[in-house]
Amino acid sequence: METNEEAKKRKYDNILEVNVLTKNIAKPIWFSISEAAKIGGVQAKTIRRAIQSKIIKYKIVKNRYFVELASMIIYLHSKNKLKNKLKQFGIGQYIEKWRG
């Protein structure tokens, strides 16, 4: 039987280096909801749902929502279904390391 610690470690084995994506970034990259959805390979309503749940960092400029890239990637790696969409239909199809 595997312990809780082993289960947590296994869960994060395939996720990007969380330390890299959570460190303080001087100039974060922001995308509109539609751009974030295209890059992530998901629908815009998936991104909106994450914003509504306060899972993704966002800002509002002139009544338009913008999503931070690092938090979006962490969110898309949080569930297998989202991760597969990122790899197959999003930016992941161009990144060799993510395909393996």
Protein backbone atom coordinates (compact mmCIF):
# COMPACT_ATOMS: atom_id res chain seq x y z
CA MET A 1 0.00 0.00 0.00
CA GLU A 2 1.32 3.45 -0.84
CA THR A 3 1.45 6.19 1.75
CA ASN A 4 0.01 9.67 1.44
CA GLU A 5 3.44 11.15 0.76
CA GLU A 6 4.11 8.66 -2.05
CA ALA A 7 0.72 9.41 -3.59
CA LYS A 8 1.41 13.17 -3.52
CA LYS A 9 4.85 12.65 -5.07
CA ARG A 10 3.40 10.46 -7.83
CA LYS A 11 0.69 13.06 -8.48
CA TYR A 12 3.29 15.78 -9.14
CA ASP A 13 5.74 13.63 -11.10
CA ASN A 14 4.27 14.68 -14.45
CA ILE A 15 3.50 18.29 -13.53
CA LEU A 16 5.87 21.06 -14.59
CA GLU A 17 8.33 22.27 -12.02
CA VAL A 18 5.96 24.09 -9.71
CA ASN A 19 8.83 26.12 -8.23
CA VAL A 20 9.60 27.58 -11.64
CA LEU A 21 6.02 28.65 -12.28
CA THR A 22 5.26 29.96 -8.79
CA LYS A 23 8.33 32.10 -8.20
CA ASN A 24 7.91 35.85 -8.44
CA ILE A 25 8.01 36.85 -12.09
CA ALA A 26 9.03 40.42 -12.90
CA LYS A 27 6.80 40.82 -15.96
CA PRO A 28 4.13 38.10 -16.16
CA ILE A 29 2.48 37.34 -19.49
CA TRP A 30 -1.25 38.01 -19.67
CA PHE A 31 -3.71 36.58 -22.23
CA SER A 32 -7.33 37.35 -22.94
CA ILE A 33 -9.79 34.56 -22.22
CA SER A 34 -10.07 33.58 -25.87
CA GLU A 35 -6.28 33.58 -26.34
CA ALA A 36 -5.81 31.52 -23.17
CA ALA A 37 -8.41 29.02 -24.38
CA LYS A 38 -6.68 28.65 -27.77
CA ILE A 39 -3.26 28.21 -26.17
CA GLY A 40 -4.66 25.74 -23.65
CA GLY A 41 -6.65 23.74 -26.19
CA VAL A 42 -9.84 24.19 -24.17
CA GLN A 43 -13.02 26.21 -24.54
CA ALA A 44 -13.35 29.75 -23.24
CA LYS A 45 -15.97 28.63 -20.74
CA THR A 46 -13.36 26.37 -19.09
CA ILE A 47 -11.14 29.40 -18.50
CA ARG A 48 -14.12 31.46 -17.29
CA ARG A 49 -15.07 28.69 -14.86
CA ALA A 50 -11.52 28.70 -13.44
CA ILE A 51 -11.66 32.49 -13.07
CA GLN A 52 -15.01 32.28 -11.32
CA SER A 53 -13.58 29.68 -8.91
CA LYS A 54 -10.51 31.91 -8.38
CA ILE A 55 -8.16 29.11 -9.48
CA ILE A 56 -6.40 31.22 -12.11
CA LYS A 57 -4.82 34.65 -11.51
CA TYR A 58 -6.61 37.29 -13.53
CA LYS A 59 -6.99 41.03 -13.92
CA ILE A 60 -9.66 43.21 -15.46
CA VAL A 61 -8.69 46.03 -17.83
CA LYS A 62 -11.46 48.08 -19.44
CA ASN A 63 -14.06 45.37 -18.73
CA ARG A 64 -11.88 42.67 -20.31
CA TYR A 65 -10.46 39.74 -18.36
CA PHE A 66 -6.80 38.79 -18.71
CA VAL A 67 -5.32 35.52 -17.41
CA GLU A 68 -1.74 35.03 -16.24
CA LEU A 69 0.17 32.38 -18.24
CA ALA A 70 1.87 30.57 -15.33
CA SER A 71 -1.32 30.10 -13.31
CA MET A 72 -3.14 28.94 -16.45
CA ILE A 73 -0.50 26.26 -17.15
CA ILE A 74 -0.60 25.07 -13.54
CA TYR A 75 -4.40 24.86 -13.74
CA LEU A 76 -4.31 22.95 -17.03
CA HIS A 77 -1.89 20.46 -15.47
CA SER A 78 -4.12 19.93 -12.43
CA LYS A 79 -6.45 17.38 -14.08
CA ASN A 80 -5.66 14.65 -16.57
CA LYS A 81 -8.47 15.67 -18.94
CA LEU A 82 -7.21 19.27 -19.10
CA LYS A 83 -3.60 18.13 -19.41
CA ASN A 84 -4.47 15.90 -22.36
CA LYS A 85 -6.31 18.75 -24.09
CA LEU A 86 -3.30 21.00 -23.53
CA LYS A 87 -1.00 18.40 -25.06
CA GLN A 88 -3.22 17.43 -28.02
CA PHE A 89 -4.94 20.66 -29.00
CA GLY A 90 -3.03 23.45 -27.26
CA ILE A 91 0.53 24.67 -27.06
CA GLY A 92 1.67 21.25 -25.83
CA GLN A 93 1.60 19.84 -29.35
CA TYR A 94 4.63 22.02 -30.11
CA ILE A 95 6.59 21.18 -26.94
CA GLU A 96 8.37 17.83 -27.24
CA LYS A 97 8.98 17.42 -23.49
CA TRP A 98 5.25 17.63 -22.72
CA ARG A 99 4.34 14.97 -25.31
CA GLY A 100 6.44 12.22 -23.71
